[in-house]
Amino acid sequence: MEQEKYSKLRYQLMESSTWPSLYMFKFIIPNSDEKVNAIKNLFPPKTKFAFKTSKDLKFIGITVKKTMESADAVIDIYIGAQDIEGIVIL
């Protein structure tokens, strides 16, 4: 099961937060519309994103602050994101 690899994160989230809770996701991806859209598709419509490009415009940082229902909901986002080529999850 994919979520087993996130057991330490799940434990930390359960210990540090009460759910639902505001959670901040941070990603760095190669700067392409395809990859930006892949990140956007992980979240519900009307989610607000903050973008910051690198000086050479090769990468884009994406920050998302979203109220999440549970630690498992957070982990589900990370599982979906891990398949995006070149992503760095912070």
C-alpha atoms as a PDB file:
ATOM      1  CA  MET A   1       0.000   0.000   0.000  1.00  0.00           C
ATOM      2  CA  GLU A   2       1.388   3.373  -1.045  1.00  0.00           C
ATOM      3  CA  GLN A   3       0.318   5.094   2.178  1.00  0.00           C
ATOM      4  CA  GLU A   4       2.565   2.845   4.281  1.00  0.00           C
ATOM      5  CA  LYS A   5       5.569   4.822   3.128  1.00  0.00           C
ATOM      6  CA  TYR A   6       3.949   7.924   4.646  1.00  0.00           C
ATOM      7  CA  SER A   7       3.359   6.408   8.090  1.00  0.00           C
ATOM      8  CA  LYS A   8       5.895   8.697   9.806  1.00  0.00           C
ATOM      9  CA  LEU A   9       4.328  11.793   8.243  1.00  0.00           C
ATOM     10  CA  ARG A  10       0.847  10.573   9.223  1.00  0.00           C
ATOM     11  CA  TYR A  11       2.016  10.137  12.816  1.00  0.00           C
ATOM     12  CA  GLN A  12       3.555  13.637  12.879  1.00  0.00           C
ATOM     13  CA  LEU A  13       0.408  15.185  11.409  1.00  0.00           C
ATOM     14  CA  MET A  14      -1.817  13.403  13.904  1.00  0.00           C
ATOM     15  CA  GLU A  15       0.374  14.525  16.814  1.00  0.00           C
ATOM     16  CA  SER A  16       0.729  18.148  15.728  1.00  0.00           C
ATOM     17  CA  SER A  17      -2.724  19.040  14.412  1.00  0.00           C
ATOM     18  CA  THR A  18      -6.403  18.724  15.147  1.00  0.00           C
ATOM     19  CA  TRP A  19      -8.499  17.992  12.089  1.00  0.00           C
ATOM     20  CA  PRO A  20      -9.821  19.657  10.031  1.00  0.00           C
ATOM     21  CA  SER A  21      -6.770  21.912   9.907  1.00  0.00           C
ATOM     22  CA  LEU A  22      -5.165  24.500   7.637  1.00  0.00           C
ATOM     23  CA  TYR A  23      -2.191  22.879   5.913  1.00  0.00           C
ATOM     24  CA  MET A  24       0.450  24.431   3.664  1.00  0.00           C
ATOM     25  CA  PHE A  25       1.750  22.448   0.703  1.00  0.00           C
ATOM     26  CA  LYS A  26       4.939  23.522  -1.104  1.00  0.00           C
ATOM     27  CA  PHE A  27       6.134  22.136  -4.400  1.00  0.00           C
ATOM     28  CA  ILE A  28       8.910  23.015  -6.842  1.00  0.00           C
ATOM     29  CA  ILE A  29       8.440  21.806 -10.400  1.00  0.00           C
ATOM     30  CA  PRO A  30       9.987  22.388 -13.806  1.00  0.00           C
ATOM     31  CA  ASN A  31       8.259  25.426 -15.295  1.00  0.00           C
ATOM     32  CA  SER A  32       5.694  24.017 -17.714  1.00  0.00           C
ATOM     33  CA  ASP A  33       1.958  24.497 -18.072  1.00  0.00           C
ATOM     34  CA  GLU A  34       1.499  20.727 -18.073  1.00  0.00           C
ATOM     35  CA  LYS A  35       3.176  20.308 -14.688  1.00  0.00           C
ATOM     36  CA  VAL A  36       1.421  23.344 -13.169  1.00  0.00           C
ATOM     37  CA  ASN A  37      -1.917  21.914 -14.295  1.00  0.00           C
ATOM     38  CA  ALA A  38      -0.998  18.527 -12.822  1.00  0.00           C
ATOM     39  CA  ILE A  39      -0.544  20.213  -9.426  1.00  0.00           C
ATOM     40  CA  LYS A  40      -3.774  22.194  -9.809  1.00  0.00           C
ATOM     41  CA  ASN A  41      -5.666  18.995 -10.611  1.00  0.00           C
ATOM     42  CA  LEU A  42      -4.718  17.548  -7.214  1.00  0.00           C
ATOM     43  CA  PHE A  43      -6.918  20.130  -5.507  1.00  0.00           C
ATOM     44  CA  PRO A  44     -10.601  21.044  -5.733  1.00  0.00           C
ATOM     45  CA  PRO A  45     -11.748  23.866  -8.039  1.00  0.00           C
ATOM     46  CA  LYS A  46     -11.388  27.405  -6.645  1.00  0.00           C
ATOM     47  CA  THR A  47      -8.291  26.477  -4.618  1.00  0.00           C
ATOM     48  CA  LYS A  48      -5.923  29.451  -4.415  1.00  0.00           C
ATOM     49  CA  PHE A  49      -2.317  28.948  -5.472  1.00  0.00           C
ATOM     50  CA  ALA A  50       0.744  31.174  -5.017  1.00  0.00           C
ATOM     51  CA  PHE A  51       3.421  30.921  -7.715  1.00  0.00           C
ATOM     52  CA  LYS A  52       7.030  32.060  -7.767  1.00  0.00           C
ATOM     53  CA  THR A  53       9.401  31.431 -10.645  1.00  0.00           C
ATOM     54  CA  SER A  54      13.130  30.960 -10.329  1.00  0.00           C
ATOM     55  CA  LYS A  55      15.384  33.721 -11.666  1.00  0.00           C
ATOM     56  CA  ASP A  56      16.186  31.715 -14.793  1.00  0.00           C
ATOM     57  CA  LEU A  57      12.470  30.768 -15.215  1.00  0.00           C
ATOM     58  CA  LYS A  58      13.330  27.049 -15.334  1.00  0.00           C
ATOM     59  CA  PHE A  59      11.399  26.210 -12.172  1.00  0.00           C
ATOM     60  CA  ILE A  60       8.268  27.370 -10.450  1.00  0.00           C
ATOM     61  CA  GLY A  61       7.459  27.175  -6.765  1.00  0.00           C
ATOM     62  CA  ILE A  62       3.842  26.550  -5.830  1.00  0.00           C
ATOM     63  CA  THR A  63       2.386  27.152  -2.383  1.00  0.00           C
ATOM     64  CA  VAL A  64      -1.113  26.048  -1.446  1.00  0.00           C
ATOM     65  CA  LYS A  65      -2.819  26.759   1.873  1.00  0.00           C
ATOM     66  CA  LYS A  66      -5.853  24.536   2.198  1.00  0.00           C
ATOM     67  CA  THR A  67      -8.068  23.355   5.015  1.00  0.00           C
ATOM     68  CA  MET A  68      -7.716  19.603   5.005  1.00  0.00           C
ATOM     69  CA  GLU A  69     -10.128  17.189   6.659  1.00  0.00           C
ATOM     70  CA  SER A  70      -7.536  14.684   7.902  1.00  0.00           C
ATOM     71  CA  ALA A  71      -3.911  13.593   7.847  1.00  0.00           C
ATOM     72  CA  ASP A  72      -4.889  10.979   5.263  1.00  0.00           C
ATOM     73  CA  ALA A  73      -6.285  13.719   2.992  1.00  0.00           C
ATOM     74  CA  VAL A  74      -2.887  15.471   3.142  1.00  0.00           C
ATOM     75  CA  ILE A  75      -1.092  12.230   2.324  1.00  0.00           C
ATOM     76  CA  ASP A  76      -3.436  11.588  -0.606  1.00  0.00           C
ATOM     77  CA  ILE A  77      -2.269  14.890  -2.149  1.00  0.00           C
ATOM     78  CA  TYR A  78       1.370  13.880  -1.719  1.00  0.00           C
ATOM     79  CA  ILE A  79       0.725  10.467  -3.263  1.00  0.00           C
ATOM     80  CA  GLY A  80      -0.864  12.140  -6.287  1.00  0.00           C
ATOM     81  CA  ALA A  81       1.992  14.627  -6.597  1.00  0.00           C
ATOM     82  CA  GLN A  82       4.833  12.115  -6.455  1.00  0.00           C
ATOM     83  CA  ASP A  83       4.162  10.960 -10.032  1.00  0.00           C
ATOM     84  CA  ILE A  84       4.830  14.420 -11.505  1.00  0.00           C
ATOM     85  CA  GLU A  85       8.215  14.226 -13.198  1.00  0.00           C
ATOM     86  CA  GLY A  86      10.832  16.526 -11.695  1.00  0.00           C
ATOM     87  CA  ILE A  87       8.764  17.540  -8.655  1.00  0.00           C
ATOM     88  CA  VAL A  88      10.366  18.469  -5.353  1.00  0.00           C
ATOM     89  CA  ILE A  89       7.958  18.223  -2.435  1.00  0.00           C
ATOM     90  CA  LEU A  90       8.895  20.436   0.510  1.00  0.00           C
END
